[in-house]
Amino acid sequence: MGATGEPIVRQLRLDEVGLRIDYFHEASDEYLEMLGVDRALLPSRADWLASYEEEFARPIAERETYNLAWELDGRLVGFSSTDKIDFGEQAFMHLHIVEAPNRRRGLGTEFVRRSVEEYFRALELRRLFCQPNAYNVAPNRALQRAGFRYVFSAEMQPSTINFVQPITRWVIERPA
């Protein structure tokens, strides 16, 4: 990534889940709307942390979610997560760059590429889907540049913290 250093994608540690929780709880209403997130659907910080503690205690093959940390120059700058995991088959990915100054710099594409490799490895996936809000240009562009293929657009609720919204579904398949 040139002067900004080499991006690192690794499994998110339990002591780092606060970054993800804070990202949503501290976001402005306008930003949450762009993400398609309904603040009223966010678990409390304590409940969310408790759910992560339970998740991290399970073997990866039995988890409902799997989370990755995105590092740049020794700092966590974002994260990715999967849910709706069918271990050995497929999962649905989410992606977020935490601080606004790190967005729109092309980092997302490289982090997505590296995340795909890790999800395929750790979850033994054959395919990985992502369903960003159709009007949120940055993730849609990053997915396309990272090699995802457009599947369809529709109105749906992509996850438990989202409201029903127009989404664009993308897929990438493990090379043969």
C-alpha atoms as a PDB file:
ATOM      1  CA  MET A   1       0.000   0.000   0.000  1.00  0.00           C
ATOM      2  CA  GLY A   2       2.942   2.287  -0.524  1.00  0.00           C
ATOM      3  CA  ALA A   3       3.686   4.957   2.059  1.00  0.00           C
ATOM      4  CA  THR A   4       0.850   3.830   4.318  1.00  0.00           C
ATOM      5  CA  GLY A   5       2.418   0.440   5.015  1.00  0.00           C
ATOM      6  CA  GLU A   6       1.311  -3.110   4.462  1.00  0.00           C
ATOM      7  CA  PRO A   7      -2.305  -3.922   5.368  1.00  0.00           C
ATOM      8  CA  ILE A   8      -2.715  -6.845   7.747  1.00  0.00           C
ATOM      9  CA  VAL A   9      -5.839  -8.976   8.079  1.00  0.00           C
ATOM     10  CA  ARG A  10      -6.043 -11.296  11.061  1.00  0.00           C
ATOM     11  CA  GLN A  11      -8.584 -12.813  13.407  1.00  0.00           C
ATOM     12  CA  LEU A  12     -10.115 -10.218  15.738  1.00  0.00           C
ATOM     13  CA  ARG A  13      -9.286 -10.929  19.377  1.00  0.00           C
ATOM     14  CA  LEU A  14     -11.902 -10.846  22.118  1.00  0.00           C
ATOM     15  CA  ASP A  15     -10.120  -7.902  23.767  1.00  0.00           C
ATOM     16  CA  GLU A  16     -10.647  -5.937  20.521  1.00  0.00           C
ATOM     17  CA  VAL A  17     -14.408  -6.397  20.026  1.00  0.00           C
ATOM     18  CA  GLY A  18     -14.984  -3.068  21.753  1.00  0.00           C
ATOM     19  CA  LEU A  19     -13.810  -1.412  18.517  1.00  0.00           C
ATOM     20  CA  ARG A  20     -16.721  -2.973  16.651  1.00  0.00           C
ATOM     21  CA  ILE A  21     -19.243  -2.235  19.390  1.00  0.00           C
ATOM     22  CA  ASP A  22     -18.085   1.391  19.697  1.00  0.00           C
ATOM     23  CA  TYR A  23     -18.072   1.824  15.911  1.00  0.00           C
ATOM     24  CA  PHE A  24     -21.829   1.334  15.790  1.00  0.00           C
ATOM     25  CA  HIS A  25     -22.826   2.849  19.137  1.00  0.00           C
ATOM     26  CA  GLU A  26     -20.803   6.032  18.602  1.00  0.00           C
ATOM     27  CA  ALA A  27     -21.732   6.569  14.939  1.00  0.00           C
ATOM     28  CA  SER A  28     -23.937   9.466  13.950  1.00  0.00           C
ATOM     29  CA  ASP A  29     -27.522   8.752  12.954  1.00  0.00           C
ATOM     30  CA  GLU A  30     -26.696   9.903   9.413  1.00  0.00           C
ATOM     31  CA  TYR A  31     -23.797   7.469   9.127  1.00  0.00           C
ATOM     32  CA  LEU A  32     -25.859   4.574  10.492  1.00  0.00           C
ATOM     33  CA  GLU A  33     -28.564   5.374   7.956  1.00  0.00           C
ATOM     34  CA  MET A  34     -26.009   5.205   5.124  1.00  0.00           C
ATOM     35  CA  LEU A  35     -24.959   1.775   6.440  1.00  0.00           C
ATOM     36  CA  GLY A  36     -28.589   0.716   6.693  1.00  0.00           C
ATOM     37  CA  VAL A  37     -28.287   0.218  10.464  1.00  0.00           C
ATOM     38  CA  ASP A  38     -31.176   0.907  12.823  1.00  0.00           C
ATOM     39  CA  ARG A  39     -29.841   2.232  16.154  1.00  0.00           C
ATOM     40  CA  ALA A  40     -32.876   0.723  17.919  1.00  0.00           C
ATOM     41  CA  LEU A  41     -31.775  -2.753  16.762  1.00  0.00           C
ATOM     42  CA  LEU A  42     -28.269  -2.494  18.231  1.00  0.00           C
ATOM     43  CA  PRO A  43     -27.722  -4.715  21.249  1.00  0.00           C
ATOM     44  CA  SER A  44     -26.622  -2.880  24.383  1.00  0.00           C
ATOM     45  CA  ARG A  45     -22.850  -2.710  24.765  1.00  0.00           C
ATOM     46  CA  ALA A  46     -22.969  -5.216  27.644  1.00  0.00           C
ATOM     47  CA  ASP A  47     -25.204  -7.668  25.752  1.00  0.00           C
ATOM     48  CA  TRP A  48     -23.066  -7.398  22.630  1.00  0.00           C
ATOM     49  CA  LEU A  49     -19.877  -8.054  24.596  1.00  0.00           C
ATOM     50  CA  ALA A  50     -21.499 -11.040  26.336  1.00  0.00           C
ATOM     51  CA  SER A  51     -22.499 -12.500  22.966  1.00  0.00           C
ATOM     52  CA  TYR A  52     -18.923 -12.139  21.728  1.00  0.00           C
ATOM     53  CA  GLU A  53     -17.598 -13.853  24.848  1.00  0.00           C
ATOM     54  CA  GLU A  54     -19.904 -16.793  24.118  1.00  0.00           C
ATOM     55  CA  GLU A  55     -18.932 -16.850  20.427  1.00  0.00           C
ATOM     56  CA  PHE A  56     -15.186 -16.735  21.078  1.00  0.00           C
ATOM     57  CA  ALA A  57     -15.502 -19.672  23.509  1.00  0.00           C
ATOM     58  CA  ARG A  58     -16.770 -21.922  20.696  1.00  0.00           C
ATOM     59  CA  PRO A  59     -14.589 -23.654  18.100  1.00  0.00           C
ATOM     60  CA  ILE A  60     -14.549 -21.720  14.827  1.00  0.00           C
ATOM     61  CA  ALA A  61     -16.530 -24.425  13.024  1.00  0.00           C
ATOM     62  CA  GLU A  62     -19.403 -23.908  15.500  1.00  0.00           C
ATOM     63  CA  ARG A  63     -19.533 -20.113  15.534  1.00  0.00           C
ATOM     64  CA  GLU A  64     -22.385 -18.024  14.233  1.00  0.00           C
ATOM     65  CA  THR A  65     -19.943 -15.225  13.398  1.00  0.00           C
ATOM     66  CA  TYR A  66     -16.262 -14.954  12.576  1.00  0.00           C
ATOM     67  CA  ASN A  67     -14.495 -11.598  12.851  1.00  0.00           C
ATOM     68  CA  LEU A  68     -11.350 -10.161  11.314  1.00  0.00           C
ATOM     69  CA  ALA A  69      -9.259  -7.146  12.308  1.00  0.00           C
ATOM     70  CA  TRP A  70      -7.867  -4.790   9.686  1.00  0.00           C
ATOM     71  CA  GLU A  71      -4.516  -3.289  10.682  1.00  0.00           C
ATOM     72  CA  LEU A  72      -2.422  -0.611   9.064  1.00  0.00           C
ATOM     73  CA  ASP A  73       0.837   0.676  10.538  1.00  0.00           C
ATOM     74  CA  GLY A  74       0.153  -1.227  13.767  1.00  0.00           C
ATOM     75  CA  ARG A  75      -3.291   0.318  14.285  1.00  0.00           C
ATOM     76  CA  LEU A  76      -6.722  -1.234  13.937  1.00  0.00           C
ATOM     77  CA  VAL A  77      -8.390   0.730  11.144  1.00  0.00           C
ATOM     78  CA  GLY A  78     -11.329  -1.515  10.399  1.00  0.00           C
ATOM     79  CA  PHE A  79     -12.917  -4.905  10.684  1.00  0.00           C
ATOM     80  CA  SER A  80     -14.851  -7.481   8.777  1.00  0.00           C
ATOM     81  CA  SER A  81     -17.254 -10.090  10.035  1.00  0.00           C
ATOM     82  CA  THR A  82     -19.203 -13.002   8.667  1.00  0.00           C
ATOM     83  CA  ASP A  83     -22.556 -14.346   9.713  1.00  0.00           C
ATOM     84  CA  LYS A  84     -25.049 -16.858   8.344  1.00  0.00           C
ATOM     85  CA  ILE A  85     -22.098 -19.244   8.258  1.00  0.00           C
ATOM     86  CA  ASP A  86     -22.601 -22.655   6.711  1.00  0.00           C
ATOM     87  CA  PHE A  87     -19.146 -24.003   7.577  1.00  0.00           C
ATOM     88  CA  GLY A  88     -17.418 -25.511   4.547  1.00  0.00           C
ATOM     89  CA  GLU A  89     -19.970 -23.960   2.193  1.00  0.00           C
ATOM     90  CA  GLN A  90     -20.787 -20.256   2.453  1.00  0.00           C
ATOM     91  CA  ALA A  91     -21.074 -17.179   4.648  1.00  0.00           C
ATOM     92  CA  PHE A  92     -22.100 -13.527   4.416  1.00  0.00           C
ATOM     93  CA  MET A  93     -19.416 -10.874   4.906  1.00  0.00           C
ATOM     94  CA  HIS A  94     -19.641  -7.341   6.325  1.00  0.00           C
ATOM     95  CA  LEU A  95     -16.870  -4.752   6.049  1.00  0.00           C
ATOM     96  CA  HIS A  96     -16.132  -1.471   7.805  1.00  0.00           C
ATOM     97  CA  ILE A  97     -13.320   1.064   7.904  1.00  0.00           C
ATOM     98  CA  VAL A  98     -13.631   2.760  11.276  1.00  0.00           C
ATOM     99  CA  GLU A  99     -12.256   6.276  10.830  1.00  0.00           C
ATOM    100  CA  ALA A 100     -13.436   8.593   8.062  1.00  0.00           C
ATOM    101  CA  PRO A 101      -9.904   9.720   7.045  1.00  0.00           C
ATOM    102  CA  ASN A 102      -9.065   6.112   6.117  1.00  0.00           C
ATOM    103  CA  ARG A 103     -12.113   5.781   3.847  1.00  0.00           C
ATOM    104  CA  ARG A 104     -12.022   6.539   0.131  1.00  0.00           C
ATOM    105  CA  ARG A 105      -8.279   5.772  -0.051  1.00  0.00           C
ATOM    106  CA  GLY A 106      -8.543   2.410  -1.788  1.00  0.00           C
ATOM    107  CA  LEU A 107      -7.757   0.509   1.414  1.00  0.00           C
ATOM    108  CA  GLY A 108     -11.082  -1.315   1.414  1.00  0.00           C
ATOM    109  CA  THR A 109     -10.350  -3.248  -1.762  1.00  0.00           C
ATOM    110  CA  GLU A 110      -7.070  -4.644  -0.435  1.00  0.00           C
ATOM    111  CA  PHE A 111      -8.553  -5.434   2.967  1.00  0.00           C
ATOM    112  CA  VAL A 112     -11.482  -7.211   1.277  1.00  0.00           C
ATOM    113  CA  ARG A 113      -9.129  -9.288  -0.908  1.00  0.00           C
ATOM    114  CA  ARG A 114      -7.129 -10.386   2.119  1.00  0.00           C
ATOM    115  CA  SER A 115     -10.293 -11.023   4.148  1.00  0.00           C
ATOM    116  CA  VAL A 116     -11.664 -13.294   1.427  1.00  0.00           C
ATOM    117  CA  GLU A 117      -8.506 -15.407   1.596  1.00  0.00           C
ATOM    118  CA  GLU A 118      -8.798 -15.680   5.383  1.00  0.00           C
ATOM    119  CA  TYR A 119     -12.509 -16.537   5.316  1.00  0.00           C
ATOM    120  CA  PHE A 120     -11.938 -19.220   2.686  1.00  0.00           C
ATOM    121  CA  ARG A 121      -9.128 -20.655   4.817  1.00  0.00           C
ATOM    122  CA  ALA A 122     -10.627 -20.418   8.308  1.00  0.00           C
ATOM    123  CA  LEU A 123     -14.210 -21.316   7.424  1.00  0.00           C
ATOM    124  CA  GLU A 124     -13.305 -23.654   4.539  1.00  0.00           C
ATOM    125  CA  LEU A 125     -15.810 -21.801   2.345  1.00  0.00           C
ATOM    126  CA  ARG A 126     -16.730 -22.480  -1.257  1.00  0.00           C
ATOM    127  CA  ARG A 127     -18.377 -19.065  -1.655  1.00  0.00           C
ATOM    128  CA  LEU A 128     -18.670 -15.782   0.184  1.00  0.00           C
ATOM    129  CA  PHE A 129     -21.501 -13.282  -0.182  1.00  0.00           C
ATOM    130  CA  CYS A 130     -21.760  -9.612   0.745  1.00  0.00           C
ATOM    131  CA  GLN A 131     -24.902  -7.457   0.708  1.00  0.00           C
ATOM    132  CA  PRO A 132     -24.127  -3.775   1.269  1.00  0.00           C
ATOM    133  CA  ASN A 133     -26.725  -1.064   1.093  1.00  0.00           C
ATOM    134  CA  ALA A 134     -27.218  -0.441  -2.627  1.00  0.00           C
ATOM    135  CA  TYR A 135     -26.689   3.295  -2.166  1.00  0.00           C
ATOM    136  CA  ASN A 136     -23.452   2.985  -0.190  1.00  0.00           C
ATOM    137  CA  VAL A 137     -21.029   3.325  -3.092  1.00  0.00           C
ATOM    138  CA  ALA A 138     -17.741   2.557  -1.301  1.00  0.00           C
ATOM    139  CA  PRO A 139     -18.350  -1.084  -0.306  1.00  0.00           C
ATOM    140  CA  ASN A 140     -20.033  -1.880  -3.608  1.00  0.00           C
ATOM    141  CA  ARG A 141     -17.033  -0.515  -5.484  1.00  0.00           C
ATOM    142  CA  ALA A 142     -14.528  -2.299  -3.202  1.00  0.00           C
ATOM    143  CA  LEU A 143     -16.303  -5.632  -3.685  1.00  0.00           C
ATOM    144  CA  GLN A 144     -16.326  -5.275  -7.457  1.00  0.00           C
ATOM    145  CA  ARG A 145     -12.626  -4.330  -7.514  1.00  0.00           C
ATOM    146  CA  ALA A 146     -11.792  -7.256  -5.215  1.00  0.00           C
ATOM    147  CA  GLY A 147     -13.258  -9.720  -7.713  1.00  0.00           C
ATOM    148  CA  PHE A 148     -16.789 -10.217  -6.423  1.00  0.00           C
ATOM    149  CA  ARG A 149     -19.492 -10.823  -9.023  1.00  0.00           C
ATOM    150  CA  TYR A 150     -22.844  -9.013  -8.963  1.00  0.00           C
ATOM    151  CA  VAL A 151     -25.765 -11.372  -8.221  1.00  0.00           C
ATOM    152  CA  PHE A 152     -28.857  -9.177  -7.774  1.00  0.00           C
ATOM    153  CA  SER A 153     -30.388  -6.154  -6.076  1.00  0.00           C
ATOM    154  CA  ALA A 154     -33.416  -6.394  -3.801  1.00  0.00           C
ATOM    155  CA  GLU A 155     -35.131  -4.996  -0.721  1.00  0.00           C
ATOM    156  CA  MET A 156     -34.213  -6.964   2.409  1.00  0.00           C
ATOM    157  CA  GLN A 157     -32.863  -6.859   5.937  1.00  0.00           C
ATOM    158  CA  PRO A 158     -29.214  -7.999   5.569  1.00  0.00           C
ATOM    159  CA  SER A 159     -28.610  -8.605   9.276  1.00  0.00           C
ATOM    160  CA  THR A 160     -30.261  -8.258  12.665  1.00  0.00           C
ATOM    161  CA  ILE A 161     -29.060  -4.657  13.147  1.00  0.00           C
ATOM    162  CA  ASN A 162     -30.260  -3.483   9.728  1.00  0.00           C
ATOM    163  CA  PHE A 163     -33.580  -2.093   8.615  1.00  0.00           C
ATOM    164  CA  VAL A 164     -35.179  -3.336   5.388  1.00  0.00           C
ATOM    165  CA  GLN A 165     -33.302  -1.581   2.600  1.00  0.00           C
ATOM    166  CA  PRO A 166     -32.195  -1.883  -1.008  1.00  0.00           C
ATOM    167  CA  ILE A 167     -29.119  -4.113  -1.090  1.00  0.00           C
ATOM    168  CA  THR A 168     -26.777  -5.312  -3.774  1.00  0.00           C
ATOM    169  CA  ARG A 169     -25.732  -8.953  -3.380  1.00  0.00           C
ATOM    170  CA  TRP A 170     -22.214  -9.880  -4.475  1.00  0.00           C
ATOM    171  CA  VAL A 171     -20.487 -13.284  -4.454  1.00  0.00           C
ATOM    172  CA  ILE A 172     -16.974 -14.598  -4.807  1.00  0.00           C
ATOM    173  CA  GLU A 173     -16.190 -18.270  -5.190  1.00  0.00           C
ATOM    174  CA  ARG A 174     -13.114 -20.156  -4.112  1.00  0.00           C
ATOM    175  CA  PRO A 175     -10.876 -20.861  -7.085  1.00  0.00           C
ATOM    176  CA  ALA A 176     -10.911 -24.529  -8.140  1.00  0.00           C
END
